[in-house]
C-alpha atoms as a PDB file:
ATOM      1  CA  MET A   1       0.000   0.000   0.000  1.00  0.00           C
ATOM      2  CA  PRO A   2       2.565   2.729   0.966  1.00  0.00           C
ATOM      3  CA  ASP A   3       4.634   1.709  -2.050  1.00  0.00           C
ATOM      4  CA  SER A   4       2.451   3.923  -4.223  1.00  0.00           C
ATOM      5  CA  HIS A   5       3.689   6.942  -2.258  1.00  0.00           C
ATOM      6  CA  PRO A   6       7.512   6.807  -2.278  1.00  0.00           C
ATOM      7  CA  ARG A   7       7.893   9.459   0.427  1.00  0.00           C
ATOM      8  CA  LEU A   8       5.671   7.487   2.774  1.00  0.00           C
ATOM      9  CA  ALA A   9       7.430   4.231   1.917  1.00  0.00           C
ATOM     10  CA  ARG A  10      10.840   5.765   2.674  1.00  0.00           C
ATOM     11  CA  SER A  11       9.456   7.150   5.915  1.00  0.00           C
ATOM     12  CA  ALA A  12       8.260   3.729   7.045  1.00  0.00           C
ATOM     13  CA  GLY A  13      11.742   2.944   8.383  1.00  0.00           C
ATOM     14  CA  VAL A  14      11.546   5.949  10.668  1.00  0.00           C
ATOM     15  CA  PHE A  15       8.061   4.878  11.720  1.00  0.00           C
ATOM     16  CA  GLY A  16       9.623   1.615  12.833  1.00  0.00           C
ATOM     17  CA  LEU A  17      11.828   3.500  15.298  1.00  0.00           C
ATOM     18  CA  ALA A  18       8.698   4.276  17.288  1.00  0.00           C
ATOM     19  CA  ARG A  19       8.562   0.592  18.199  1.00  0.00           C
ATOM     20  CA  LEU A  20      11.926   1.037  19.904  1.00  0.00           C
ATOM     21  CA  GLY A  21      10.383   3.625  22.202  1.00  0.00           C
ATOM     22  CA  LEU A  22      11.949   6.621  20.489  1.00  0.00           C
ATOM     23  CA  ASP A  23       9.589   9.568  20.676  1.00  0.00           C
ATOM     24  CA  LEU A  24      10.245  11.060  17.256  1.00  0.00           C
ATOM     25  CA  GLU A  25       8.272  13.344  15.016  1.00  0.00           C
ATOM     26  CA  LEU A  26       8.287  12.575  11.334  1.00  0.00           C
ATOM     27  CA  ALA A  27       7.738  15.309   8.763  1.00  0.00           C
ATOM     28  CA  VAL A  28       6.843  14.201   5.242  1.00  0.00           C
ATOM     29  CA  ASN A  29       6.661  16.605   2.305  1.00  0.00           C
ATOM     30  CA  LEU A  30       3.708  15.661   0.149  1.00  0.00           C
ATOM     31  CA  SER A  31       3.872  16.305  -3.567  1.00  0.00           C
ATOM     32  CA  PRO A  32       0.895  17.510  -5.602  1.00  0.00           C
ATOM     33  CA  ILE A  33       0.480  13.938  -6.847  1.00  0.00           C
ATOM     34  CA  ASP A  34       0.326  12.652  -3.248  1.00  0.00           C
ATOM     35  CA  VAL A  35      -2.237  15.235  -2.165  1.00  0.00           C
ATOM     36  CA  LEU A  36      -4.476  14.609  -5.171  1.00  0.00           C
ATOM     37  CA  ASP A  37      -4.459  10.833  -4.631  1.00  0.00           C
ATOM     38  CA  VAL A  38      -7.753   9.942  -2.961  1.00  0.00           C
ATOM     39  CA  SER A  39      -6.162   6.806  -1.423  1.00  0.00           C
ATOM     40  CA  LEU A  40      -3.607   8.845   0.572  1.00  0.00           C
ATOM     41  CA  PRO A  41      -5.649   9.055   3.806  1.00  0.00           C
ATOM     42  CA  GLU A  42      -6.072   5.271   3.937  1.00  0.00           C
ATOM     43  CA  GLU A  43      -2.373   4.730   3.255  1.00  0.00           C
ATOM     44  CA  VAL A  44      -1.376   7.163   6.001  1.00  0.00           C
ATOM     45  CA  ALA A  45      -3.802   5.470   8.420  1.00  0.00           C
ATOM     46  CA  ALA A  46      -2.392   2.038   7.509  1.00  0.00           C
ATOM     47  CA  LEU A  47       1.168   3.189   8.267  1.00  0.00           C
ATOM     48  CA  ILE A  48       0.089   4.700  11.564  1.00  0.00           C
ATOM     49  CA  ASP A  49      -1.655   1.452  12.537  1.00  0.00           C
ATOM     50  CA  ARG A  50       1.115  -0.812  11.264  1.00  0.00           C
ATOM     51  CA  TYR A  51       3.870   0.984  13.148  1.00  0.00           C
ATOM     52  CA  GLU A  52       1.712   1.904  16.157  1.00  0.00           C
ATOM     53  CA  ILE A  53       2.740   5.525  16.233  1.00  0.00           C
ATOM     54  CA  PRO A  54       0.661   8.351  17.645  1.00  0.00           C
ATOM     55  CA  PRO A  55      -0.838  10.340  14.741  1.00  0.00           C
ATOM     56  CA  ARG A  56       0.263  13.562  16.466  1.00  0.00           C
ATOM     57  CA  ARG A  57       3.866  12.545  15.695  1.00  0.00           C
ATOM     58  CA  LEU A  58       3.283  12.662  11.928  1.00  0.00           C
ATOM     59  CA  ILE A  59       3.611  16.053  10.274  1.00  0.00           C
ATOM     60  CA  LEU A  60       2.369  16.209   6.697  1.00  0.00           C
ATOM     61  CA  GLU A  61       3.792  19.199   4.854  1.00  0.00           C
ATOM     62  CA  ILE A  62       1.749  20.569   1.979  1.00  0.00           C
ATOM     63  CA  THR A  63       2.640  23.659  -0.014  1.00  0.00           C
ATOM     64  CA  GLU A  64       0.112  26.220  -1.164  1.00  0.00           C
ATOM     65  CA  ARG A  65       1.057  25.449  -4.764  1.00  0.00           C
ATOM     66  CA  THR A  66       0.023  21.867  -4.185  1.00  0.00           C
ATOM     67  CA  LEU A  67      -3.407  22.892  -2.971  1.00  0.00           C
ATOM     68  CA  ILE A  68      -3.960  25.230  -5.903  1.00  0.00           C
ATOM     69  CA  ALA A  69      -3.264  22.491  -8.492  1.00  0.00           C
ATOM     70  CA  ASP A  70      -6.774  21.048  -8.065  1.00  0.00           C
ATOM     71  CA  GLU A  71      -8.326  22.844  -5.145  1.00  0.00           C
ATOM     72  CA  ARG A  72     -11.510  20.775  -4.858  1.00  0.00           C
ATOM     73  CA  ARG A  73      -9.842  17.401  -5.033  1.00  0.00           C
ATOM     74  CA  ALA A  74      -7.010  18.448  -2.709  1.00  0.00           C
ATOM     75  CA  ARG A  75      -9.571  19.743  -0.227  1.00  0.00           C
ATOM     76  CA  ARG A  76     -11.373  16.374  -0.192  1.00  0.00           C
ATOM     77  CA  VAL A  77      -8.133  14.510   0.485  1.00  0.00           C
ATOM     78  CA  VAL A  78      -6.853  16.963   3.114  1.00  0.00           C
ATOM     79  CA  ASP A  79     -10.211  16.982   4.923  1.00  0.00           C
ATOM     80  CA  ARG A  80     -10.007  13.188   5.215  1.00  0.00           C
ATOM     81  CA  LEU A  81      -6.481  13.346   6.614  1.00  0.00           C
END
C-alpha cells in the first residue's frame, strides 16, 4: 500500500523507530500527486496502525502550490487526513 507513495514508503523505516520507544516526530513533504491521490488518507492510516505511532507525531507538509493544483480534489483529500 505505501509503495504507491515513495515518500511514505521511505518514511516507514523511521516509523519503525517508534517501536523502539523513540519519541520522534516525522515530517513528510507531500507532492501535488500525493495530495491529489484519494487513497492517501487510507495509506497514512495504515502506516500509523502498522507501526503503532501516535498520529500527532506525523507532520504532513503541503505547499500552497500543491493545494492550488486542483483545489476541490485536494480539499477532499486533506479533509479526510
